[in-house]
Amino acid sequence: MYQPPDEQLIRVRIPQGTEVLGIVQQRLGGSRMRVLCLDGKERICRIPGRLRRALWVRENDVILVEPWELGGDDKGDVVYKYRSKGEVDFLKRKGYLKNVEKDF
């Protein structure tokens, strides 16, 4: 199974269940941030304690958000951050980021 050198096989995590893709709009401090989710809602999201040291998030990063069961329209947890440009390009090609005008 030969692959050309310019194409590398990458595994990209896609939203499952209630997870939603989002883009970080503003850092608020204290591991909280304002996120524009692709379901049309703006949520205040936090990084859970188990990921706090491992996950560094900046503005305009594409992330995966798990909305809270209570207050899910307003708040959520950051579950995953898409680290490479290849992952974001894959999401664009597959149509997951079709509502986004900005280029990352």
Protein backbone atom coordinates (compact mmCIF):
# COMPACT_ATOMS: atom_id res chain seq x y z
CA MET A 1 0.00 0.00 0.00
CA TYR A 2 2.00 2.92 -1.32
CA GLN A 3 1.04 6.51 -0.57
CA PRO A 4 2.50 9.50 -2.36
CA PRO A 5 4.73 11.60 -0.07
CA ASP A 6 2.48 14.67 -0.27
CA GLU A 7 -0.56 12.78 1.08
CA GLN A 8 -0.34 11.65 4.68
CA LEU A 9 -2.96 9.59 6.40
CA ILE A 10 -4.38 11.46 9.40
CA ARG A 11 -7.17 10.54 11.77
CA VAL A 12 -9.53 13.41 12.46
CA ARG A 13 -12.00 13.39 15.33
CA ILE A 14 -15.48 14.33 14.15
CA PRO A 15 -18.40 15.44 16.35
CA GLN A 16 -20.32 12.57 17.94
CA GLY A 17 -23.58 12.67 19.86
CA THR A 18 -24.26 16.16 21.20
CA GLU A 19 -20.78 17.53 20.42
CA VAL A 20 -20.59 20.67 18.28
CA LEU A 21 -17.73 22.31 16.40
CA GLY A 22 -16.86 25.84 17.47
CA ILE A 23 -14.41 28.67 16.95
CA VAL A 24 -12.87 30.53 19.86
CA GLN A 25 -13.86 34.20 19.66
CA GLN A 26 -12.39 35.61 22.87
CA ARG A 27 -10.41 34.38 25.88
CA LEU A 28 -12.07 35.43 29.13
CA GLY A 29 -9.49 34.14 31.63
CA GLY A 30 -9.72 31.41 34.20
CA SER A 31 -9.82 28.68 31.49
CA ARG A 32 -13.03 30.20 30.09
CA MET A 33 -13.66 31.51 26.59
CA ARG A 34 -16.42 32.78 24.35
CA VAL A 35 -17.02 30.29 21.52
CA LEU A 36 -19.12 30.70 18.38
CA CYS A 37 -20.57 27.24 17.79
CA LEU A 38 -21.59 26.08 14.35
CA ASP A 39 -25.14 25.38 15.49
CA GLY A 40 -25.59 29.17 15.56
CA LYS A 41 -25.23 29.69 19.32
CA GLU A 42 -22.57 31.55 21.25
CA ARG A 43 -21.46 29.74 24.40
CA ILE A 44 -19.18 30.43 27.33
CA CYS A 45 -17.00 27.33 27.42
CA ARG A 46 -14.46 26.12 29.92
CA ILE A 47 -11.58 23.69 29.77
CA PRO A 48 -12.21 20.85 32.26
CA GLY A 49 -9.60 20.21 34.94
CA ARG A 50 -8.34 16.98 33.36
CA LEU A 51 -7.40 18.87 30.17
CA ARG A 52 -6.38 22.21 31.67
CA ARG A 53 -2.60 21.67 31.52
CA ALA A 54 -2.63 19.69 28.28
CA LEU A 55 -4.83 21.95 26.16
CA TRP A 56 -3.69 25.44 25.18
CA VAL A 57 -6.37 27.32 23.27
CA ARG A 58 -6.04 30.66 21.47
CA GLU A 59 -8.45 32.86 19.55
CA ASN A 60 -9.60 31.53 16.15
CA ASP A 61 -8.80 27.91 17.09
CA VAL A 62 -11.27 25.27 15.95
CA ILE A 63 -12.46 23.19 18.90
CA LEU A 64 -15.00 20.54 19.78
CA VAL A 65 -17.57 21.61 22.38
CA GLU A 66 -19.79 19.43 24.58
CA PRO A 67 -22.83 21.57 25.58
CA TRP A 68 -23.98 21.22 29.20
CA GLU A 69 -27.18 19.32 29.82
CA LEU A 70 -28.51 22.16 31.98
CA GLY A 71 -27.99 25.52 30.32
CA GLY A 72 -26.67 23.90 27.13
CA ASP A 73 -27.58 26.90 25.00
CA ASP A 74 -25.27 29.15 27.04
CA LYS A 75 -22.44 26.99 28.40
CA GLY A 76 -20.25 24.04 27.45
CA ASP A 77 -16.97 22.20 27.93
CA VAL A 78 -14.05 22.07 25.51
CA VAL A 79 -13.48 18.42 24.61
CA TYR A 80 -10.85 18.58 21.84
CA LYS A 81 -8.73 21.09 19.91
CA TYR A 82 -7.90 20.59 16.24
CA ARG A 83 -4.14 21.13 16.24
CA SER A 84 -2.99 20.94 12.62
CA LYS A 85 -4.03 22.76 9.50
CA GLY A 86 -4.55 19.37 7.86
CA GLU A 87 -7.29 18.50 10.34
CA VAL A 88 -9.08 21.81 9.72
CA ASP A 89 -8.75 21.37 5.94
CA PHE A 90 -10.27 17.88 6.25
CA LEU A 91 -13.25 19.30 8.14
CA LYS A 92 -13.72 21.95 5.45
CA ARG A 93 -13.54 19.38 2.64
CA LYS A 94 -16.10 17.13 4.32
CA GLY A 95 -18.51 20.04 4.90
CA TYR A 96 -18.34 20.27 8.69
CA LEU A 97 -17.13 23.91 8.56
CA LYS A 98 -19.43 25.07 5.74
CA ASN A 99 -21.00 27.85 7.87
CA VAL A 100 -17.64 29.57 8.42
CA GLU A 101 -16.53 32.48 6.25
CA LYS A 102 -13.10 33.01 7.82
CA ASP A 103 -9.96 31.19 6.72
CA PHE A 104 -7.86 29.61 9.46
